[in-house]
């Protein structure tokens, strides 16, 4: 009886640890098995692994979600985000006095964003503000954004700079 109790406890702990190990719908973050994103929270969690590979697996509605730009001067996004032709809708970012504002705030060389739409966005920052990327040294392809992007300097509907 005591042996069974220990086994159940060990399996329970393993299940809990496995659940904590991933914040995404699936994947391991590699190019052959990218993290799968299906919610706005998972999109935000890209901040925790800036050089991983990601794919959207569905349209994402960020209504009512408080989103903060992913990547900055100290920790830039150098991973790959493939939207697979899905859209992120109703994205609101309100960082009025901040620089490097967008779905991705700062993307360094090696970073890549492709096949994604950001629709009905409301994005506000100071300098280097974009509907998709605030400042990019990486690659953006087959992507678009619609909505409102507001800032003081180097502001763009898709990429600020």
C-alpha atoms as a PDB file:
ATOM      1  CA  UNK A   1       0.000   0.000   0.000  1.00  0.00           C
ATOM      2  CA  UNK A   2       2.776   2.403   0.877  1.00  0.00           C
ATOM      3  CA  UNK A   3       4.530   1.624  -2.416  1.00  0.00           C
ATOM      4  CA  UNK A   4       1.426   2.515  -4.448  1.00  0.00           C
ATOM      5  CA  UNK A   5       1.048   5.797  -2.591  1.00  0.00           C
ATOM      6  CA  UNK A   6       4.607   6.818  -3.470  1.00  0.00           C
ATOM      7  CA  UNK A   7       4.092   5.909  -7.122  1.00  0.00           C
ATOM      8  CA  UNK A   8       0.939   8.011  -7.337  1.00  0.00           C
ATOM      9  CA  UNK A   9       2.748  10.937  -5.731  1.00  0.00           C
ATOM     10  CA  UNK A  10       5.663  10.677  -8.154  1.00  0.00           C
ATOM     11  CA  UNK A  11       3.330  10.489 -11.179  1.00  0.00           C
ATOM     12  CA  UNK A  12       1.358  13.468  -9.869  1.00  0.00           C
ATOM     13  CA  UNK A  13       4.524  15.560  -9.511  1.00  0.00           C
ATOM     14  CA  UNK A  14       5.702  14.554 -12.988  1.00  0.00           C
ATOM     15  CA  UNK A  15       2.353  15.623 -14.448  1.00  0.00           C
ATOM     16  CA  UNK A  16       2.534  18.993 -12.701  1.00  0.00           C
ATOM     17  CA  UNK A  17       6.127  19.620 -13.840  1.00  0.00           C
ATOM     18  CA  UNK A  18       5.277  18.655 -17.418  1.00  0.00           C
ATOM     19  CA  UNK A  19       2.390  21.135 -17.404  1.00  0.00           C
ATOM     20  CA  UNK A  20       4.689  23.904 -16.212  1.00  0.00           C
ATOM     21  CA  UNK A  21       7.402  23.218 -18.790  1.00  0.00           C
ATOM     22  CA  UNK A  22       5.477  24.691 -21.719  1.00  0.00           C
ATOM     23  CA  UNK A  23       3.474  27.878 -21.977  1.00  0.00           C
ATOM     24  CA  UNK A  24       2.422  27.182 -25.555  1.00  0.00           C
ATOM     25  CA  UNK A  25      -0.183  25.086 -27.360  1.00  0.00           C
ATOM     26  CA  UNK A  26       2.586  22.682 -28.421  1.00  0.00           C
ATOM     27  CA  UNK A  27       6.035  22.432 -29.940  1.00  0.00           C
ATOM     28  CA  UNK A  28       9.559  22.699 -28.570  1.00  0.00           C
ATOM     29  CA  UNK A  29      10.694  25.966 -30.171  1.00  0.00           C
ATOM     30  CA  UNK A  30      13.003  24.414 -32.763  1.00  0.00           C
ATOM     31  CA  UNK A  31      12.808  25.083 -36.501  1.00  0.00           C
ATOM     32  CA  UNK A  32      11.438  21.568 -37.084  1.00  0.00           C
ATOM     33  CA  UNK A  33       8.977  21.757 -34.147  1.00  0.00           C
ATOM     34  CA  UNK A  34       8.170  25.431 -33.443  1.00  0.00           C
ATOM     35  CA  UNK A  35       6.181  26.558 -30.429  1.00  0.00           C
ATOM     36  CA  UNK A  36       2.493  26.728 -31.384  1.00  0.00           C
ATOM     37  CA  UNK A  37       0.652  29.933 -30.490  1.00  0.00           C
ATOM     38  CA  UNK A  38      -3.134  30.004 -30.184  1.00  0.00           C
ATOM     39  CA  UNK A  39      -3.792  32.736 -27.555  1.00  0.00           C
ATOM     40  CA  UNK A  40      -2.710  36.277 -26.851  1.00  0.00           C
ATOM     41  CA  UNK A  41      -1.012  35.101 -23.628  1.00  0.00           C
ATOM     42  CA  UNK A  42       1.070  32.616 -25.625  1.00  0.00           C
ATOM     43  CA  UNK A  43       1.990  35.435 -28.006  1.00  0.00           C
ATOM     44  CA  UNK A  44       3.130  37.501 -25.016  1.00  0.00           C
ATOM     45  CA  UNK A  45       5.122  34.521 -23.689  1.00  0.00           C
ATOM     46  CA  UNK A  46       7.483  34.783 -26.674  1.00  0.00           C
ATOM     47  CA  UNK A  47       9.265  37.268 -24.380  1.00  0.00           C
ATOM     48  CA  UNK A  48      10.568  34.276 -22.400  1.00  0.00           C
ATOM     49  CA  UNK A  49      12.462  32.727 -25.343  1.00  0.00           C
ATOM     50  CA  UNK A  50      13.416  35.396 -27.870  1.00  0.00           C
ATOM     51  CA  UNK A  51      15.460  33.168 -30.183  1.00  0.00           C
ATOM     52  CA  UNK A  52      12.950  30.331 -30.571  1.00  0.00           C
ATOM     53  CA  UNK A  53      10.727  29.447 -33.521  1.00  0.00           C
ATOM     54  CA  UNK A  54       6.978  30.124 -33.339  1.00  0.00           C
ATOM     55  CA  UNK A  55       3.891  29.484 -35.488  1.00  0.00           C
ATOM     56  CA  UNK A  56       0.354  30.740 -35.129  1.00  0.00           C
ATOM     57  CA  UNK A  57      -2.115  27.858 -35.304  1.00  0.00           C
ATOM     58  CA  UNK A  58      -5.281  29.957 -35.375  1.00  0.00           C
ATOM     59  CA  UNK A  59      -6.515  33.545 -35.559  1.00  0.00           C
ATOM     60  CA  UNK A  60      -5.957  35.269 -32.210  1.00  0.00           C
ATOM     61  CA  UNK A  61      -8.299  37.850 -30.675  1.00  0.00           C
ATOM     62  CA  UNK A  62      -6.495  40.025 -28.120  1.00  0.00           C
ATOM     63  CA  UNK A  63      -9.607  41.982 -27.052  1.00  0.00           C
ATOM     64  CA  UNK A  64      -9.298  42.944 -23.387  1.00  0.00           C
ATOM     65  CA  UNK A  65      -5.695  41.667 -23.125  1.00  0.00           C
ATOM     66  CA  UNK A  66      -2.946  43.981 -21.859  1.00  0.00           C
ATOM     67  CA  UNK A  67      -0.068  43.308 -24.266  1.00  0.00           C
ATOM     68  CA  UNK A  68       3.500  44.574 -23.863  1.00  0.00           C
ATOM     69  CA  UNK A  69       5.970  44.762 -26.739  1.00  0.00           C
ATOM     70  CA  UNK A  70       8.201  41.697 -27.071  1.00  0.00           C
ATOM     71  CA  UNK A  71      11.930  42.461 -27.302  1.00  0.00           C
ATOM     72  CA  UNK A  72      13.933  45.578 -26.489  1.00  0.00           C
ATOM     73  CA  UNK A  73      17.499  46.949 -26.850  1.00  0.00           C
ATOM     74  CA  UNK A  74      18.812  44.628 -24.134  1.00  0.00           C
ATOM     75  CA  UNK A  75      16.864  41.519 -25.178  1.00  0.00           C
ATOM     76  CA  UNK A  76      15.983  41.602 -28.863  1.00  0.00           C
ATOM     77  CA  UNK A  77      13.827  39.122 -30.762  1.00  0.00           C
ATOM     78  CA  UNK A  78      16.057  36.959 -32.983  1.00  0.00           C
ATOM     79  CA  UNK A  79      13.653  34.056 -33.485  1.00  0.00           C
ATOM     80  CA  UNK A  80      11.177  33.231 -36.211  1.00  0.00           C
ATOM     81  CA  UNK A  81       7.460  34.013 -36.069  1.00  0.00           C
ATOM     82  CA  UNK A  82       5.436  32.436 -38.878  1.00  0.00           C
ATOM     83  CA  UNK A  83       1.805  33.529 -38.797  1.00  0.00           C
ATOM     84  CA  UNK A  84       0.828  30.850 -41.347  1.00  0.00           C
ATOM     85  CA  UNK A  85      -1.593  33.445 -42.799  1.00  0.00           C
ATOM     86  CA  UNK A  86      -3.495  33.831 -39.508  1.00  0.00           C
ATOM     87  CA  UNK A  87      -4.200  37.224 -37.941  1.00  0.00           C
ATOM     88  CA  UNK A  88      -3.793  38.805 -34.531  1.00  0.00           C
ATOM     89  CA  UNK A  89      -6.875  40.961 -34.003  1.00  0.00           C
ATOM     90  CA  UNK A  90      -7.704  43.804 -31.648  1.00  0.00           C
ATOM     91  CA  UNK A  91      -4.137  44.149 -30.395  1.00  0.00           C
ATOM     92  CA  UNK A  92      -3.864  47.090 -28.003  1.00  0.00           C
ATOM     93  CA  UNK A  93      -0.454  48.280 -26.830  1.00  0.00           C
ATOM     94  CA  UNK A  94      -0.412  51.439 -24.746  1.00  0.00           C
ATOM     95  CA  UNK A  95       3.199  52.351 -23.976  1.00  0.00           C
ATOM     96  CA  UNK A  96       2.990  56.115 -24.527  1.00  0.00           C
ATOM     97  CA  UNK A  97       6.398  57.113 -23.134  1.00  0.00           C
ATOM     98  CA  UNK A  98       8.230  53.978 -24.312  1.00  0.00           C
ATOM     99  CA  UNK A  99      10.388  53.414 -27.367  1.00  0.00           C
ATOM    100  CA  UNK A 100      10.476  50.219 -29.446  1.00  0.00           C
ATOM    101  CA  UNK A 101       6.761  49.502 -29.462  1.00  0.00           C
ATOM    102  CA  UNK A 102       4.876  46.926 -31.547  1.00  0.00           C
ATOM    103  CA  UNK A 103       3.891  43.289 -31.510  1.00  0.00           C
ATOM    104  CA  UNK A 104       7.680  42.881 -31.571  1.00  0.00           C
ATOM    105  CA  UNK A 105       9.386  45.934 -30.074  1.00  0.00           C
ATOM    106  CA  UNK A 106      12.895  45.243 -31.361  1.00  0.00           C
ATOM    107  CA  UNK A 107      13.966  42.546 -33.820  1.00  0.00           C
ATOM    108  CA  UNK A 108      17.681  42.078 -34.383  1.00  0.00           C
ATOM    109  CA  UNK A 109      19.448  40.503 -37.364  1.00  0.00           C
ATOM    110  CA  UNK A 110      18.544  36.856 -37.716  1.00  0.00           C
ATOM    111  CA  UNK A 111      14.977  37.536 -36.584  1.00  0.00           C
ATOM    112  CA  UNK A 112      12.212  36.808 -39.047  1.00  0.00           C
ATOM    113  CA  UNK A 113       8.480  37.497 -39.201  1.00  0.00           C
ATOM    114  CA  UNK A 114       6.372  36.188 -42.073  1.00  0.00           C
ATOM    115  CA  UNK A 115       2.822  35.418 -43.163  1.00  0.00           C
ATOM    116  CA  UNK A 116       1.056  37.327 -40.380  1.00  0.00           C
ATOM    117  CA  UNK A 117      -1.580  40.025 -40.206  1.00  0.00           C
ATOM    118  CA  UNK A 118      -2.237  42.393 -37.316  1.00  0.00           C
ATOM    119  CA  UNK A 119      -5.754  43.790 -37.714  1.00  0.00           C
ATOM    120  CA  UNK A 120      -7.722  46.463 -35.871  1.00  0.00           C
ATOM    121  CA  UNK A 121      -4.633  47.385 -33.833  1.00  0.00           C
ATOM    122  CA  UNK A 122      -4.404  50.336 -31.450  1.00  0.00           C
ATOM    123  CA  UNK A 123      -0.710  50.871 -30.733  1.00  0.00           C
ATOM    124  CA  UNK A 124       0.749  53.879 -28.927  1.00  0.00           C
ATOM    125  CA  UNK A 125       4.359  54.610 -28.026  1.00  0.00           C
ATOM    126  CA  UNK A 126       6.965  57.341 -28.147  1.00  0.00           C
ATOM    127  CA  UNK A 127       9.668  56.585 -30.739  1.00  0.00           C
ATOM    128  CA  UNK A 128      10.180  53.583 -33.014  1.00  0.00           C
ATOM    129  CA  UNK A 129       6.557  52.447 -33.076  1.00  0.00           C
ATOM    130  CA  UNK A 130       5.081  50.022 -35.609  1.00  0.00           C
ATOM    131  CA  UNK A 131       1.983  47.939 -36.124  1.00  0.00           C
ATOM    132  CA  UNK A 132       4.136  44.819 -36.333  1.00  0.00           C
ATOM    133  CA  UNK A 133       7.681  45.852 -35.298  1.00  0.00           C
ATOM    134  CA  UNK A 134       9.018  48.993 -33.634  1.00  0.00           C
ATOM    135  CA  UNK A 135      12.590  48.609 -34.955  1.00  0.00           C
ATOM    136  CA  UNK A 136      13.849  45.830 -37.201  1.00  0.00           C
ATOM    137  CA  UNK A 137      17.226  44.652 -38.408  1.00  0.00           C
ATOM    138  CA  UNK A 138      15.635  41.318 -39.304  1.00  0.00           C
ATOM    139  CA  UNK A 139      13.314  40.200 -42.075  1.00  0.00           C
ATOM    140  CA  UNK A 140       9.590  40.914 -42.472  1.00  0.00           C
ATOM    141  CA  UNK A 141       7.758  39.312 -45.396  1.00  0.00           C
ATOM    142  CA  UNK A 142       4.197  38.654 -46.568  1.00  0.00           C
ATOM    143  CA  UNK A 143       2.765  40.515 -43.559  1.00  0.00           C
ATOM    144  CA  UNK A 144       0.447  43.468 -42.976  1.00  0.00           C
ATOM    145  CA  UNK A 145      -1.228  45.535 -40.288  1.00  0.00           C
ATOM    146  CA  UNK A 146      -4.344  47.681 -40.060  1.00  0.00           C
ATOM    147  CA  UNK A 147      -5.562  50.021 -37.371  1.00  0.00           C
ATOM    148  CA  UNK A 148      -4.026  52.940 -35.502  1.00  0.00           C
ATOM    149  CA  UNK A 149      -0.313  53.397 -34.762  1.00  0.00           C
ATOM    150  CA  UNK A 150       0.642  56.543 -32.837  1.00  0.00           C
ATOM    151  CA  UNK A 151       4.006  57.926 -31.732  1.00  0.00           C
ATOM    152  CA  UNK A 152       6.310  60.934 -31.905  1.00  0.00           C
ATOM    153  CA  UNK A 153       9.190  59.831 -34.125  1.00  0.00           C
ATOM    154  CA  UNK A 154       9.894  56.943 -36.504  1.00  0.00           C
ATOM    155  CA  UNK A 155       6.364  55.619 -36.638  1.00  0.00           C
ATOM    156  CA  UNK A 156       5.066  53.208 -39.284  1.00  0.00           C
ATOM    157  CA  UNK A 157       1.962  51.205 -39.972  1.00  0.00           C
ATOM    158  CA  UNK A 158       4.012  48.011 -40.278  1.00  0.00           C
ATOM    159  CA  UNK A 159       7.547  48.859 -39.054  1.00  0.00           C
ATOM    160  CA  UNK A 160       8.685  52.028 -37.253  1.00  0.00           C
ATOM    161  CA  UNK A 161      12.267  51.731 -38.486  1.00  0.00           C
END
